[in-house]
C-alpha cells in the first residue's frame, strides 16, 4: 500500500498488500509471502507483513502471492531518533467515535527533521482514545 516508508529504529509496522485485476479493480491478493532484501536493517514476518526496524539504513521489502506475482519493492529508510514530538496542536480535541490525524515530528541523529515517519503510538487511556499505527486518533 506504499512505495516508501521512513521509520524509527525499534518500531514495528504492518504493511498491507493490495491487488488489482486488469481493469484496476481491487481483488483479494491470495496467500502472501513477504521478504526483506536486507533483514539486518528491516525484518519482515513472512506471512503477515509486519516489519521491524532493526538498525539504521535502507532496506527493500517485496510480497509475492501463490500465483507467482511479485510486487514492486517498497523502500524502507530506518532512522535513529534523537527527539520525538507531536506537530498536532495540544491538547488534541476529538469527539466520541471521531478521528483526528496526529502528526509526529522526529529529529534524527543527523539533525534532520522528519514529519512523515512511522513511530510507535500508545494512549494513556484506551477507554478515552486509541491511536492506530498511522497516527489516527479515535475518540
N, C-alpha and C. Protein backbone atom coordinates (compact mmCIF):
# COMPACT_ATOMS: atom_id res chain seq x y z
N UNK A 1 0.80 -1.20 0.00
CA UNK A 1 0.00 0.00 0.00
C UNK A 1 0.84 1.26 0.00
N UNK A 2 2.16 1.12 -0.02
CA UNK A 2 3.07 2.27 -0.03
C UNK A 2 4.23 1.98 -0.99
N UNK A 3 4.89 3.06 -1.44
CA UNK A 3 6.10 2.89 -2.25
C UNK A 3 7.35 3.04 -1.41
N UNK A 4 7.24 3.83 -0.32
CA UNK A 4 8.38 4.00 0.58
C UNK A 4 7.86 4.30 1.98
N UNK A 5 8.76 4.15 2.93
CA UNK A 5 8.40 4.35 4.33
C UNK A 5 9.63 4.80 5.09
N UNK A 6 9.50 5.88 5.86
CA UNK A 6 10.51 6.29 6.84
C UNK A 6 10.02 5.78 8.18
N UNK A 7 10.92 5.19 8.96
CA UNK A 7 10.52 4.57 10.22
C UNK A 7 11.66 4.72 11.23
N UNK A 8 11.30 4.80 12.50
CA UNK A 8 12.31 4.88 13.56
C UNK A 8 12.79 3.48 13.93
N UNK A 9 14.07 3.37 14.25
CA UNK A 9 14.62 2.09 14.70
C UNK A 9 13.84 1.61 15.92
N UNK A 10 13.53 0.31 15.95
CA UNK A 10 12.81 -0.28 17.07
C UNK A 10 11.31 -0.31 16.90
N UNK A 11 10.79 0.31 15.84
CA UNK A 11 9.35 0.38 15.61
C UNK A 11 8.91 -0.77 14.71
N UNK A 12 7.73 -1.31 15.01
CA UNK A 12 7.10 -2.32 14.15
C UNK A 12 5.99 -1.65 13.36
N UNK A 13 5.71 -2.16 12.17
CA UNK A 13 4.70 -1.57 11.30
C UNK A 13 4.14 -2.66 10.41
N UNK A 14 2.83 -2.72 10.28
CA UNK A 14 2.20 -3.75 9.46
C UNK A 14 1.95 -3.23 8.05
N UNK A 15 2.65 -3.82 7.09
CA UNK A 15 2.43 -3.49 5.69
C UNK A 15 1.17 -4.21 5.20
N UNK A 16 0.53 -3.66 4.17
CA UNK A 16 -0.65 -4.29 3.58
C UNK A 16 -0.43 -4.43 2.09
N UNK A 17 -0.93 -5.51 1.53
CA UNK A 17 -0.84 -5.73 0.09
C UNK A 17 -2.20 -5.46 -0.53
N UNK A 18 -2.17 -4.82 -1.70
CA UNK A 18 -3.38 -4.54 -2.45
C UNK A 18 -3.17 -5.11 -3.85
N UNK A 19 -4.13 -5.91 -4.33
CA UNK A 19 -4.03 -6.49 -5.67
C UNK A 19 -5.14 -5.92 -6.55
N UNK A 20 -4.84 -5.80 -7.84
CA UNK A 20 -5.82 -5.27 -8.80
C UNK A 20 -5.89 -6.19 -10.02
N UNK A 21 -7.07 -6.26 -10.62
CA UNK A 21 -7.20 -7.01 -11.87
C UNK A 21 -6.83 -6.10 -13.03
N UNK A 22 -6.97 -6.59 -14.27
CA UNK A 22 -6.54 -5.82 -15.44
C UNK A 22 -7.36 -4.55 -15.65
N UNK A 23 -8.54 -4.47 -15.04
CA UNK A 23 -9.36 -3.26 -15.17
C UNK A 23 -9.20 -2.33 -13.97
N UNK A 24 -8.14 -2.58 -13.15
CA UNK A 24 -7.81 -1.76 -11.99
C UNK A 24 -8.81 -1.88 -10.84
N UNK A 25 -9.59 -2.96 -10.82
CA UNK A 25 -10.49 -3.20 -9.68
C UNK A 25 -9.74 -3.98 -8.61
N UNK A 26 -9.88 -3.59 -7.33
CA UNK A 26 -9.21 -4.33 -6.26
C UNK A 26 -9.79 -5.74 -6.15
N UNK A 27 -8.90 -6.69 -5.80
CA UNK A 27 -9.33 -8.06 -5.58
C UNK A 27 -8.48 -8.68 -4.50
N UNK A 28 -8.95 -9.78 -3.89
CA UNK A 28 -8.15 -10.42 -2.83
C UNK A 28 -6.81 -10.88 -3.39
N UNK A 29 -5.70 -10.58 -2.68
CA UNK A 29 -4.38 -10.93 -3.21
C UNK A 29 -4.03 -12.40 -3.11
N UNK A 30 -4.78 -13.19 -2.30
CA UNK A 30 -4.44 -14.59 -2.11
C UNK A 30 -3.42 -14.76 -0.99
N UNK A 31 -2.88 -15.98 -0.88
CA UNK A 31 -1.87 -16.26 0.15
C UNK A 31 -0.59 -15.51 -0.21
N UNK A 32 -0.04 -14.80 0.78
CA UNK A 32 1.11 -13.93 0.53
C UNK A 32 2.36 -14.40 1.25
N UNK A 33 3.51 -14.11 0.66
CA UNK A 33 4.80 -14.35 1.31
C UNK A 33 5.60 -13.05 1.18
N UNK A 34 6.00 -12.50 2.34
CA UNK A 34 6.75 -11.25 2.41
C UNK A 34 8.23 -11.56 2.56
N UNK A 35 9.08 -10.69 1.98
CA UNK A 35 10.52 -10.92 2.06
C UNK A 35 11.27 -9.59 2.14
N UNK A 36 12.22 -9.51 3.08
CA UNK A 36 13.11 -8.36 3.19
C UNK A 36 14.41 -8.70 2.48
N UNK A 37 14.90 -7.76 1.68
CA UNK A 37 16.17 -7.98 0.99
C UNK A 37 17.36 -7.55 1.84
N UNK A 38 17.10 -6.98 3.04
CA UNK A 38 18.15 -6.62 3.98
C UNK A 38 17.62 -6.82 5.40
N UNK A 39 17.48 -8.08 5.84
CA UNK A 39 16.86 -8.36 7.15
C UNK A 39 17.64 -7.84 8.35
N UNK A 40 18.91 -7.48 8.19
CA UNK A 40 19.65 -6.89 9.30
C UNK A 40 19.15 -5.47 9.59
N UNK A 41 18.58 -4.81 8.58
CA UNK A 41 18.03 -3.46 8.75
C UNK A 41 16.54 -3.53 9.04
N UNK A 42 15.80 -4.29 8.22
CA UNK A 42 14.35 -4.43 8.39
C UNK A 42 14.00 -5.91 8.24
N UNK A 43 13.47 -6.50 9.31
CA UNK A 43 12.98 -7.87 9.20
C UNK A 43 11.49 -7.81 8.91
N UNK A 44 10.96 -8.86 8.29
CA UNK A 44 9.53 -8.90 7.97
C UNK A 44 9.01 -10.29 8.27
N UNK A 45 7.84 -10.35 8.89
CA UNK A 45 7.19 -11.64 9.12
C UNK A 45 6.73 -12.15 7.76
N UNK A 46 7.11 -13.36 7.37
CA UNK A 46 6.82 -13.84 6.02
C UNK A 46 5.34 -13.99 5.70
N UNK A 47 4.49 -14.13 6.72
CA UNK A 47 3.06 -14.36 6.46
C UNK A 47 2.18 -13.14 6.66
N UNK A 48 2.48 -12.29 7.67
CA UNK A 48 1.55 -11.18 7.95
C UNK A 48 2.08 -9.81 7.54
N UNK A 49 3.33 -9.72 7.08
CA UNK A 49 3.85 -8.44 6.58
C UNK A 49 4.24 -7.44 7.64
N UNK A 50 4.35 -7.86 8.89
CA UNK A 50 4.76 -6.94 9.94
C UNK A 50 6.28 -6.79 9.89
N UNK A 51 6.73 -5.54 9.72
CA UNK A 51 8.17 -5.29 9.69
C UNK A 51 8.64 -4.82 11.05
N UNK A 52 9.93 -5.01 11.30
CA UNK A 52 10.57 -4.46 12.49
C UNK A 52 11.84 -3.75 12.04
N UNK A 53 11.94 -2.48 12.37
CA UNK A 53 13.11 -1.68 12.01
C UNK A 53 14.22 -2.00 13.00
N UNK A 54 15.22 -2.75 12.56
CA UNK A 54 16.26 -3.26 13.45
C UNK A 54 17.48 -2.35 13.58
N UNK A 55 17.92 -1.76 12.46
CA UNK A 55 19.10 -0.89 12.52
C UNK A 55 19.00 0.19 11.45
N UNK A 56 19.75 1.25 11.64
CA UNK A 56 19.72 2.39 10.73
C UNK A 56 20.22 1.94 9.35
N UNK A 57 19.51 2.36 8.31
CA UNK A 57 19.92 2.03 6.95
C UNK A 57 18.73 1.93 6.02
N UNK A 58 18.99 1.36 4.85
CA UNK A 58 17.96 1.18 3.82
C UNK A 58 17.70 -0.30 3.61
N UNK A 59 16.44 -0.61 3.35
CA UNK A 59 16.06 -1.98 3.02
C UNK A 59 14.88 -1.92 2.06
N UNK A 60 14.68 -3.00 1.34
CA UNK A 60 13.50 -3.12 0.49
C UNK A 60 12.76 -4.39 0.87
N UNK A 61 11.44 -4.33 0.73
CA UNK A 61 10.58 -5.46 1.05
C UNK A 61 9.68 -5.71 -0.16
N UNK A 62 9.48 -6.97 -0.48
CA UNK A 62 8.55 -7.36 -1.54
C UNK A 62 7.55 -8.35 -0.98
N UNK A 63 6.46 -8.52 -1.72
CA UNK A 63 5.47 -9.52 -1.36
C UNK A 63 5.09 -10.27 -2.63
N UNK A 64 4.93 -11.58 -2.50
CA UNK A 64 4.54 -12.43 -3.62
C UNK A 64 3.28 -13.19 -3.23
N UNK A 65 2.46 -13.51 -4.24
CA UNK A 65 1.28 -14.32 -3.94
C UNK A 65 1.47 -15.73 -4.50
N UNK A 66 0.50 -16.59 -4.23
CA UNK A 66 0.60 -18.00 -4.62
C UNK A 66 0.56 -18.19 -6.14
N UNK A 67 0.15 -17.17 -6.90
CA UNK A 67 0.16 -17.25 -8.36
C UNK A 67 1.52 -16.89 -8.95
N UNK A 68 2.46 -16.48 -8.09
CA UNK A 68 3.78 -16.13 -8.56
C UNK A 68 3.98 -14.66 -8.88
N UNK A 69 2.96 -13.84 -8.65
CA UNK A 69 3.11 -12.40 -8.88
C UNK A 69 3.88 -11.79 -7.73
N UNK A 70 4.81 -10.87 -8.04
CA UNK A 70 5.61 -10.20 -7.03
C UNK A 70 5.42 -8.70 -7.16
N UNK A 71 5.28 -8.03 -6.04
CA UNK A 71 5.09 -6.58 -6.01
C UNK A 71 6.36 -5.84 -6.40
N UNK A 72 6.19 -4.58 -6.74
CA UNK A 72 7.34 -3.69 -6.79
C UNK A 72 7.84 -3.57 -5.36
N UNK A 73 9.13 -3.35 -5.15
CA UNK A 73 9.63 -3.25 -3.78
C UNK A 73 9.23 -1.95 -3.12
N UNK A 74 9.02 -2.01 -1.81
CA UNK A 74 8.86 -0.81 -1.00
C UNK A 74 10.24 -0.52 -0.41
N UNK A 75 10.66 0.74 -0.49
CA UNK A 75 11.93 1.16 0.08
C UNK A 75 11.68 1.67 1.49
N UNK A 76 12.43 1.13 2.43
CA UNK A 76 12.25 1.50 3.83
C UNK A 76 13.55 2.09 4.36
N UNK A 77 13.45 3.33 4.86
CA UNK A 77 14.60 4.03 5.45
C UNK A 77 14.42 4.02 6.96
N UNK A 78 15.37 3.43 7.67
CA UNK A 78 15.31 3.37 9.13
C UNK A 78 16.20 4.47 9.68
N UNK A 79 15.63 5.27 10.60
CA UNK A 79 16.34 6.40 11.20
C UNK A 79 16.51 6.16 12.70
N UNK A 80 17.55 6.77 13.25
CA UNK A 80 17.76 6.78 14.70
C UNK A 80 17.19 8.08 15.22
N UNK A 81 16.14 8.01 16.04
CA UNK A 81 15.50 9.21 16.57
C UNK A 81 16.30 9.75 17.75
N UNK A 82 16.54 11.07 17.71
CA UNK A 82 17.16 11.76 18.84
C UNK A 82 16.09 12.46 19.67
N UNK A 83 15.03 12.90 18.99
CA UNK A 83 13.95 13.63 19.65
C UNK A 83 12.66 13.34 18.91
N UNK A 84 11.59 13.12 19.65
CA UNK A 84 10.28 12.85 19.06
C UNK A 84 9.27 13.82 19.64
N UNK A 85 8.46 14.42 18.77
CA UNK A 85 7.42 15.34 19.22
C UNK A 85 6.17 15.17 18.38
N UNK A 86 5.14 15.91 18.74
CA UNK A 86 3.87 15.85 18.01
C UNK A 86 3.60 17.23 17.45
N UNK A 87 3.40 17.30 16.12
CA UNK A 87 3.14 18.57 15.46
C UNK A 87 1.71 19.06 15.70
N UNK A 88 0.78 18.14 15.89
CA UNK A 88 -0.63 18.48 16.10
C UNK A 88 -0.78 19.31 17.37
N UNK A 89 -1.66 20.30 17.34
CA UNK A 89 -1.88 21.20 18.48
C UNK A 89 -2.29 20.39 19.71
N UNK A 90 -1.72 20.76 20.85
CA UNK A 90 -2.02 20.07 22.10
C UNK A 90 -2.74 21.04 23.03
N UNK A 91 -3.76 20.64 23.76
CA UNK A 91 -4.29 19.28 23.78
C UNK A 91 -5.13 19.01 22.53
N UNK A 92 -5.04 17.76 22.06
CA UNK A 92 -5.84 17.35 20.91
C UNK A 92 -7.28 17.16 21.37
N UNK A 93 -8.22 17.66 20.57
CA UNK A 93 -9.64 17.51 20.91
C UNK A 93 -10.32 16.73 19.80
N UNK A 94 -11.02 15.67 20.20
CA UNK A 94 -11.73 14.82 19.25
C UNK A 94 -13.00 14.31 19.92
N UNK A 95 -14.10 14.27 19.18
CA UNK A 95 -15.36 13.78 19.73
C UNK A 95 -15.40 12.26 19.78
N UNK A 96 -16.42 11.76 20.44
CA UNK A 96 -16.62 10.32 20.54
C UNK A 96 -16.85 9.74 19.15
N UNK A 97 -16.11 8.66 18.85
CA UNK A 97 -16.16 7.99 17.54
C UNK A 97 -15.75 8.91 16.39
N UNK A 98 -15.00 9.95 16.68
CA UNK A 98 -14.45 10.85 15.65
C UNK A 98 -12.96 10.57 15.53
N UNK A 99 -12.39 10.98 14.39
CA UNK A 99 -10.97 10.74 14.12
C UNK A 99 -10.20 12.04 13.95
N UNK A 100 -8.96 12.02 14.38
CA UNK A 100 -8.06 13.16 14.22
C UNK A 100 -6.68 12.61 13.88
N UNK A 101 -6.06 13.15 12.82
CA UNK A 101 -4.73 12.68 12.45
C UNK A 101 -3.68 13.41 13.27
N UNK A 102 -2.86 12.66 13.97
CA UNK A 102 -1.78 13.22 14.77
C UNK A 102 -0.48 13.05 13.99
N UNK A 103 0.25 14.15 13.84
CA UNK A 103 1.46 14.14 13.01
C UNK A 103 2.70 14.15 13.90
N UNK A 104 3.54 13.11 13.80
CA UNK A 104 4.78 13.11 14.59
C UNK A 104 5.86 13.92 13.89
N UNK A 105 6.78 14.43 14.68
CA UNK A 105 7.99 15.08 14.15
C UNK A 105 9.17 14.42 14.86
N UNK A 106 10.11 13.96 14.06
CA UNK A 106 11.28 13.27 14.61
C UNK A 106 12.53 14.00 14.17
N UNK A 107 13.40 14.28 15.12
CA UNK A 107 14.72 14.83 14.80
C UNK A 107 15.70 13.66 14.90
N UNK A 108 16.45 13.45 13.82
CA UNK A 108 17.37 12.32 13.76
C UNK A 108 18.73 12.68 14.32
N UNK A 109 19.57 11.68 14.49
CA UNK A 109 20.94 11.89 14.95
C UNK A 109 21.72 12.75 13.96
N UNK A 110 21.29 12.75 12.68
CA UNK A 110 21.95 13.56 11.65
C UNK A 110 21.36 14.97 11.58
N UNK A 111 20.57 15.36 12.62
CA UNK A 111 19.96 16.69 12.71
C UNK A 111 18.92 16.96 11.62
N UNK A 112 18.35 15.92 11.05
CA UNK A 112 17.31 16.06 10.04
C UNK A 112 15.95 15.94 10.75
N UNK A 113 14.99 16.81 10.39
CA UNK A 113 13.65 16.74 10.95
C UNK A 113 12.73 16.05 9.95
N UNK A 114 12.07 14.99 10.40
CA UNK A 114 11.18 14.20 9.57
C UNK A 114 9.76 14.35 10.08
N UNK A 115 8.79 14.58 9.18
CA UNK A 115 7.40 14.75 9.59
C UNK A 115 6.54 13.55 9.25
N UNK A 116 6.80 12.89 8.15
CA UNK A 116 6.02 11.72 7.74
C UNK A 116 6.84 10.48 8.04
N UNK A 117 6.79 10.01 9.28
CA UNK A 117 7.60 8.88 9.71
C UNK A 117 6.77 7.97 10.60
N UNK A 118 7.01 6.68 10.50
CA UNK A 118 6.30 5.71 11.34
C UNK A 118 6.97 5.65 12.71
N UNK A 119 6.17 5.86 13.73
CA UNK A 119 6.61 5.78 15.12
C UNK A 119 5.66 4.86 15.86
N UNK A 120 5.98 4.53 17.09
CA UNK A 120 5.06 3.73 17.92
C UNK A 120 4.16 4.68 18.69
N UNK A 121 2.86 4.41 18.65
CA UNK A 121 1.87 5.24 19.36
C UNK A 121 1.26 4.43 20.50
N UNK A 122 0.86 5.13 21.56
CA UNK A 122 0.07 4.49 22.62
C UNK A 122 -0.72 5.57 23.35
N UNK A 123 -1.85 5.18 23.84
CA UNK A 123 -2.72 6.08 24.58
C UNK A 123 -2.57 5.77 26.07
N UNK A 124 -2.62 6.80 26.90
CA UNK A 124 -2.54 6.56 28.34
C UNK A 124 -3.85 5.98 28.87
N UNK A 125 -4.94 6.10 28.09
CA UNK A 125 -6.24 5.54 28.49
C UNK A 125 -7.02 5.15 27.23
N UNK A 126 -6.98 3.86 26.88
CA UNK A 126 -7.66 3.35 25.68
C UNK A 126 -9.18 3.48 25.77
N UNK A 127 -9.73 3.75 26.96
CA UNK A 127 -11.18 3.96 27.07
C UNK A 127 -11.57 5.36 26.61
N UNK A 128 -10.61 6.28 26.58
CA UNK A 128 -10.86 7.65 26.15
C UNK A 128 -10.50 7.82 24.67
N UNK A 129 -9.34 7.31 24.28
CA UNK A 129 -8.90 7.44 22.89
C UNK A 129 -7.88 6.36 22.56
N UNK A 130 -7.88 5.94 21.28
CA UNK A 130 -6.88 5.00 20.78
C UNK A 130 -6.17 5.65 19.60
N UNK A 131 -4.97 5.18 19.32
CA UNK A 131 -4.20 5.70 18.19
C UNK A 131 -3.68 4.52 17.38
N UNK A 132 -3.97 4.52 16.06
CA UNK A 132 -3.52 3.46 15.18
C UNK A 132 -2.09 3.70 14.71
N UNK A 133 -1.51 2.73 14.03
CA UNK A 133 -0.10 2.81 13.63
C UNK A 133 0.18 3.96 12.66
N UNK A 134 -0.84 4.45 11.97
CA UNK A 134 -0.65 5.57 11.05
C UNK A 134 -0.98 6.92 11.69
N UNK A 135 -1.15 6.97 13.01
CA UNK A 135 -1.33 8.22 13.71
C UNK A 135 -2.76 8.74 13.77
N UNK A 136 -3.74 7.90 13.48
CA UNK A 136 -5.15 8.34 13.57
C UNK A 136 -5.66 8.11 14.98
N UNK A 137 -6.03 9.20 15.64
CA UNK A 137 -6.59 9.18 16.99
C UNK A 137 -8.10 9.01 16.87
N UNK A 138 -8.68 8.07 17.62
CA UNK A 138 -10.12 7.86 17.62
C UNK A 138 -10.64 8.06 19.03
N UNK A 139 -11.59 9.00 19.18
CA UNK A 139 -12.17 9.30 20.50
C UNK A 139 -13.18 8.25 20.90
